[in-house]
């Protein structure tokens, strides 16, 4: 455990060297948050509710979604792709430490860094512009935190499994960007799925993406009762376990055919 804590600490120090990039990202996220928030305010207009959600709840949904996005940085994708392309994956695999646990520890370091240099400043800006994004209740807040952790696990495991394609494709190029926007759309990060057609919404609930953003956010704004929230947490846990099984299987197959290029 000390080794992984050290890795996370080193990742924070590395990110500190690129603080200008972090602040630039934070400013862009604040602008996007403000634009989306004002968009939903204009869409609701004088309407009190839509799909059981009020305009204030929708603003809260947007703000918390942007804060979650600032923490959902998945460095594991670039880490795996770069290691395979450079050939360093060969030496990484013989180190006396689990390779993918190492990548996870690095991403935990990213979360800690982003919390202080992105999320907290964005939260302050959101409070100034839209007011405090208050959860539906204290109980909903704690259930949201549990859902957020499970959602992050689902997101990370899916991203790591997706990145394993680098063992065969070698250079994924813009594929990661396509995947990022694809997941954002299908997870309800930008547009809640309750605005989608019913047939599409039903289909998307059969995929894991909705449990990355939509369900944690729905819990936060109080769209579900506490009992329903527990059911959602159970589904999230099931998806996480299922994706972990797929990841472990894909990992074993990928590491059997390491193809080193360069290095």
Protein backbone atom coordinates (compact mmCIF):
# COMPACT_ATOMS: atom_id res chain seq x y z
CA UNK A 1 0.00 0.00 0.00
CA UNK A 2 2.88 2.38 0.76
CA UNK A 3 4.13 1.94 -2.80
CA UNK A 4 0.76 2.97 -4.25
CA UNK A 5 0.50 5.97 -1.90
CA UNK A 6 3.97 7.02 -3.03
CA UNK A 7 2.91 6.69 -6.69
CA UNK A 8 -0.15 8.87 -6.05
CA UNK A 9 2.03 11.43 -4.28
CA UNK A 10 4.49 11.51 -7.19
CA UNK A 11 1.60 11.98 -9.62
CA UNK A 12 0.40 15.01 -7.65
CA UNK A 13 3.90 16.48 -7.77
CA UNK A 14 4.07 15.86 -11.52
CA UNK A 15 0.71 17.57 -12.06
CA UNK A 16 1.93 20.51 -9.97
CA UNK A 17 4.54 21.15 -12.65
CA UNK A 18 1.70 21.76 -15.14
CA UNK A 19 -0.44 24.12 -13.08
CA UNK A 20 -0.95 26.49 -16.01
CA UNK A 21 -2.67 23.67 -17.92
CA UNK A 22 -4.79 22.92 -14.86
CA UNK A 23 -5.91 26.53 -14.47
CA UNK A 24 -6.63 26.80 -18.20
CA UNK A 25 -8.77 23.66 -18.00
CA UNK A 26 -10.56 25.06 -14.95
CA UNK A 27 -11.36 28.33 -16.73
CA UNK A 28 -12.72 26.48 -19.77
CA UNK A 29 -14.83 24.24 -17.54
CA UNK A 30 -16.23 27.27 -15.71
CA UNK A 31 -17.19 28.91 -19.00
CA UNK A 32 -18.82 25.68 -20.18
CA UNK A 33 -20.65 25.28 -16.87
CA UNK A 34 -21.99 28.83 -17.07
CA UNK A 35 -23.08 28.39 -20.69
CA UNK A 36 -24.89 25.10 -20.01
CA UNK A 37 -26.47 26.48 -16.85
CA UNK A 38 -27.84 29.56 -18.62
CA UNK A 39 -28.99 27.32 -21.47
CA UNK A 40 -31.13 25.21 -19.13
CA UNK A 41 -32.44 28.35 -17.41
CA UNK A 42 -33.57 29.64 -20.81
CA UNK A 43 -35.05 26.25 -21.81
CA UNK A 44 -37.16 26.04 -18.67
CA UNK A 45 -38.24 29.67 -18.94
CA UNK A 46 -41.43 30.00 -16.92
CA UNK A 47 -42.05 26.25 -16.70
CA UNK A 48 -42.02 24.95 -13.14
CA UNK A 49 -41.05 21.35 -13.89
CA UNK A 50 -40.22 19.04 -16.78
CA UNK A 51 -40.07 15.26 -16.32
CA UNK A 52 -40.45 15.81 -12.60
CA UNK A 53 -37.40 18.10 -12.40
CA UNK A 54 -37.60 21.83 -11.69
CA UNK A 55 -35.38 24.47 -13.24
CA UNK A 56 -33.39 24.87 -10.01
CA UNK A 57 -32.87 21.12 -9.82
CA UNK A 58 -31.62 21.16 -13.41
CA UNK A 59 -29.12 23.92 -12.61
CA UNK A 60 -27.91 21.88 -9.64
CA UNK A 61 -27.64 18.82 -11.91
CA UNK A 62 -25.50 20.80 -14.36
CA UNK A 63 -23.18 22.26 -11.73
CA UNK A 64 -22.56 18.95 -9.96
CA UNK A 65 -22.10 17.22 -13.32
CA UNK A 66 -19.31 19.65 -14.24
CA UNK A 67 -17.70 19.16 -10.82
CA UNK A 68 -17.81 15.40 -11.32
CA UNK A 69 -16.28 15.76 -14.79
CA UNK A 70 -13.33 17.62 -13.31
CA UNK A 71 -12.66 14.62 -11.04
CA UNK A 72 -13.37 11.93 -13.64
CA UNK A 73 -9.98 12.29 -15.31
CA UNK A 74 -8.97 8.90 -16.73
CA UNK A 75 -5.21 9.04 -17.24
CA UNK A 76 -5.08 5.25 -17.53
CA UNK A 77 -6.01 5.45 -21.22
CA UNK A 78 -3.08 7.64 -22.26
CA UNK A 79 -0.78 5.82 -19.84
CA UNK A 80 -1.43 2.43 -21.40
CA UNK A 81 -1.35 3.72 -24.98
CA UNK A 82 1.94 5.61 -24.45
CA UNK A 83 3.56 2.67 -22.65
CA UNK A 84 2.67 0.25 -25.47
CA UNK A 85 3.77 2.65 -28.20
CA UNK A 86 7.11 3.48 -26.56
CA UNK A 87 7.81 -0.09 -25.50
CA UNK A 88 8.10 0.77 -21.79
CA UNK A 89 5.20 -1.58 -21.14
CA UNK A 90 7.69 -4.46 -21.29
CA UNK A 91 9.75 -3.14 -18.37
CA UNK A 92 6.66 -1.96 -16.49
CA UNK A 93 5.26 -5.50 -16.52
CA UNK A 94 8.30 -6.97 -14.78
CA UNK A 95 8.28 -4.49 -11.92
CA UNK A 96 7.38 -5.91 -8.47
CA UNK A 97 4.04 -4.09 -8.46
CA UNK A 98 0.72 -4.67 -10.16
CA UNK A 99 0.80 -2.59 -13.35
CA UNK A 100 -2.86 -1.61 -13.45
CA UNK A 101 -2.97 -0.90 -9.72
CA UNK A 102 -0.08 1.46 -10.43
CA UNK A 103 -2.15 3.25 -13.07
CA UNK A 104 -5.10 3.42 -10.68
CA UNK A 105 -2.91 4.95 -7.96
CA UNK A 106 -1.77 7.58 -10.46
CA UNK A 107 -5.38 8.44 -11.25
CA UNK A 108 -6.14 8.76 -7.54
CA UNK A 109 -3.32 11.30 -7.46
CA UNK A 110 -5.02 13.07 -10.37
CA UNK A 111 -8.28 13.22 -8.40
CA UNK A 112 -6.57 14.80 -5.38
CA UNK A 113 -4.82 17.37 -7.56
CA UNK A 114 -7.96 18.20 -9.54
CA UNK A 115 -9.99 18.51 -6.34
CA UNK A 116 -7.91 21.48 -5.18
CA UNK A 117 -6.96 23.06 -8.50
CA UNK A 118 -10.17 22.49 -10.49
CA UNK A 119 -13.17 21.30 -8.50
CA UNK A 120 -13.01 23.68 -5.53
CA UNK A 121 -12.40 26.81 -7.69
CA UNK A 122 -15.22 25.71 -10.02
CA UNK A 123 -17.50 25.19 -7.02
CA UNK A 124 -16.80 28.74 -5.82
CA UNK A 125 -17.57 30.14 -9.27
CA UNK A 126 -20.78 28.08 -9.44
CA UNK A 127 -21.92 29.42 -6.06
CA UNK A 128 -21.31 33.00 -7.21
CA UNK A 129 -23.21 32.53 -10.49
CA UNK A 130 -26.00 30.09 -9.62
CA UNK A 131 -26.00 29.82 -5.84
CA UNK A 132 -25.16 26.86 -3.62
CA UNK A 133 -25.98 23.52 -5.32
CA UNK A 134 -27.74 22.02 -2.31
CA UNK A 135 -28.57 18.28 -2.37
CA UNK A 136 -32.15 17.10 -1.81
CA UNK A 137 -31.30 16.05 1.77
CA UNK A 138 -28.38 14.96 3.93
CA UNK A 139 -29.34 11.34 3.29
CA UNK A 140 -29.34 11.92 -0.46
CA UNK A 141 -25.89 13.53 -0.17
CA UNK A 142 -24.33 10.47 1.49
CA UNK A 143 -26.03 8.16 -0.98
CA UNK A 144 -24.67 10.37 -3.76
CA UNK A 145 -21.12 10.00 -2.43
CA UNK A 146 -21.46 6.21 -2.48
CA UNK A 147 -22.91 6.37 -5.98
CA UNK A 148 -20.12 8.70 -7.09
CA UNK A 149 -17.46 6.24 -5.91
CA UNK A 150 -19.16 3.36 -7.71
CA UNK A 151 -19.63 5.53 -10.79
CA UNK A 152 -15.94 6.42 -10.80
CA UNK A 153 -15.07 2.73 -10.52
CA UNK A 154 -17.31 1.90 -13.47
CA UNK A 155 -15.81 4.74 -15.51
CA UNK A 156 -12.22 3.78 -14.68
CA UNK A 157 -12.71 0.07 -15.33
CA UNK A 158 -14.42 0.74 -18.65
CA UNK A 159 -11.67 3.18 -19.66
CA UNK A 160 -8.92 0.72 -18.71
CA UNK A 161 -10.63 -2.08 -20.64
CA UNK A 162 -11.08 0.19 -23.65
CA UNK A 163 -7.41 1.23 -23.49
CA UNK A 164 -6.33 -2.41 -23.75
CA UNK A 165 -7.05 -2.13 -27.47
CA UNK A 166 -3.69 -0.35 -27.63
CA UNK A 167 -2.03 -3.78 -27.31
CA UNK A 168 -3.33 -4.63 -30.78
CA UNK A 169 -4.08 -1.29 -32.45
CA UNK A 170 -0.85 0.32 -31.12
CA UNK A 171 -1.90 3.89 -32.04
CA UNK A 172 -5.50 4.74 -31.18
CA UNK A 173 -5.08 8.40 -32.11
CA UNK A 174 -8.38 10.30 -31.85
CA UNK A 175 -10.32 7.20 -30.76
CA UNK A 176 -10.00 8.22 -27.11
CA UNK A 177 -11.55 11.62 -27.88
CA UNK A 178 -14.45 9.95 -29.71
CA UNK A 179 -14.94 7.61 -26.78
CA UNK A 180 -14.92 10.55 -24.33
CA UNK A 181 -17.69 12.44 -26.15
CA UNK A 182 -19.61 9.21 -26.78
CA UNK A 183 -19.64 8.37 -23.06
CA UNK A 184 -20.54 11.96 -22.11
CA UNK A 185 -23.58 11.83 -24.39
CA UNK A 186 -24.80 8.40 -23.33
CA UNK A 187 -24.13 8.88 -19.61
CA UNK A 188 -26.32 11.96 -19.20
CA UNK A 189 -23.35 14.14 -18.25
CA UNK A 190 -24.52 16.99 -20.48
CA UNK A 191 -28.14 16.14 -21.36
CA UNK A 192 -30.16 14.06 -18.87
CA UNK A 193 -31.56 10.91 -20.41
CA UNK A 194 -35.11 11.74 -19.34
CA UNK A 195 -35.17 14.19 -22.27
CA UNK A 196 -34.40 11.35 -24.70
CA UNK A 197 -37.11 9.31 -26.51
CA UNK A 198 -38.43 6.50 -24.34
CA UNK A 199 -37.15 3.70 -26.62
CA UNK A 200 -33.64 5.17 -26.59
CA UNK A 201 -33.74 5.81 -22.85
CA UNK A 202 -34.76 2.19 -22.23
CA UNK A 203 -31.88 0.95 -24.38
CA UNK A 204 -29.31 3.19 -22.66
CA UNK A 205 -30.35 1.93 -19.22
CA UNK A 206 -29.13 -1.48 -20.37
CA UNK A 207 -25.60 -0.05 -20.70
CA UNK A 208 -23.18 0.96 -17.91
CA UNK A 209 -22.74 4.60 -19.01
CA UNK A 210 -25.87 5.90 -17.30
CA UNK A 211 -24.45 4.76 -13.96
CA UNK A 212 -21.38 6.98 -14.34
CA UNK A 213 -23.20 10.33 -14.27
CA UNK A 214 -26.98 10.16 -14.62
CA UNK A 215 -27.79 8.01 -11.60
CA UNK A 216 -25.42 9.71 -9.11
CA UNK A 217 -26.73 13.11 -10.23
CA UNK A 218 -30.35 11.96 -10.04
CA UNK A 219 -29.70 10.82 -6.47
CA UNK A 220 -28.16 14.19 -5.58
CA UNK A 221 -31.11 16.26 -6.79
CA UNK A 222 -33.63 13.93 -5.12
CA UNK A 223 -35.23 12.38 -8.18
CA UNK A 224 -35.27 9.05 -6.34
CA UNK A 225 -36.44 8.16 -2.86
CA UNK A 226 -33.81 6.77 -0.44
CA UNK A 227 -35.15 3.23 -0.99
CA UNK A 228 -34.88 3.63 -4.76
CA UNK A 229 -31.37 5.03 -4.31
CA UNK A 230 -30.27 1.82 -2.59
CA UNK A 231 -31.57 -0.15 -5.55
CA UNK A 232 -29.57 2.06 -7.92
CA UNK A 233 -26.45 1.51 -5.82
CA UNK A 234 -26.98 -2.23 -6.10
CA UNK A 235 -27.16 -2.01 -9.89
CA UNK A 236 -24.02 0.12 -9.95
CA UNK A 237 -22.18 -2.43 -7.81
CA UNK A 238 -23.29 -5.23 -10.15
CA UNK A 239 -22.03 -3.30 -13.20
CA UNK A 240 -18.71 -2.63 -11.48
CA UNK A 241 -18.20 -6.29 -10.66
CA UNK A 242 -19.18 -7.32 -14.20
CA UNK A 243 -16.80 -4.82 -15.79
CA UNK A 244 -13.99 -5.93 -13.46
CA UNK A 245 -14.45 -9.52 -14.62
CA UNK A 246 -14.33 -8.41 -18.26
CA UNK A 247 -11.28 -6.25 -17.54
CA UNK A 248 -9.38 -9.09 -15.86
CA UNK A 249 -10.13 -11.42 -18.78
CA UNK A 250 -9.13 -8.80 -21.38
CA UNK A 251 -6.00 -7.93 -19.42
CA UNK A 252 -4.74 -11.52 -19.44
CA UNK A 253 -5.35 -11.86 -23.16
CA UNK A 254 -3.70 -8.52 -23.94
CA UNK A 255 -0.57 -9.09 -21.87
CA UNK A 256 0.03 -12.43 -23.59
CA UNK A 257 0.61 -10.67 -26.88
CA UNK A 258 2.67 -7.64 -25.93
CA UNK A 259 3.95 -5.96 -29.07
CA UNK A 260 6.74 -3.51 -28.38
CA UNK A 261 7.37 -0.73 -30.88
CA UNK A 262 10.20 1.74 -30.44
CA UNK A 263 12.00 2.19 -27.13
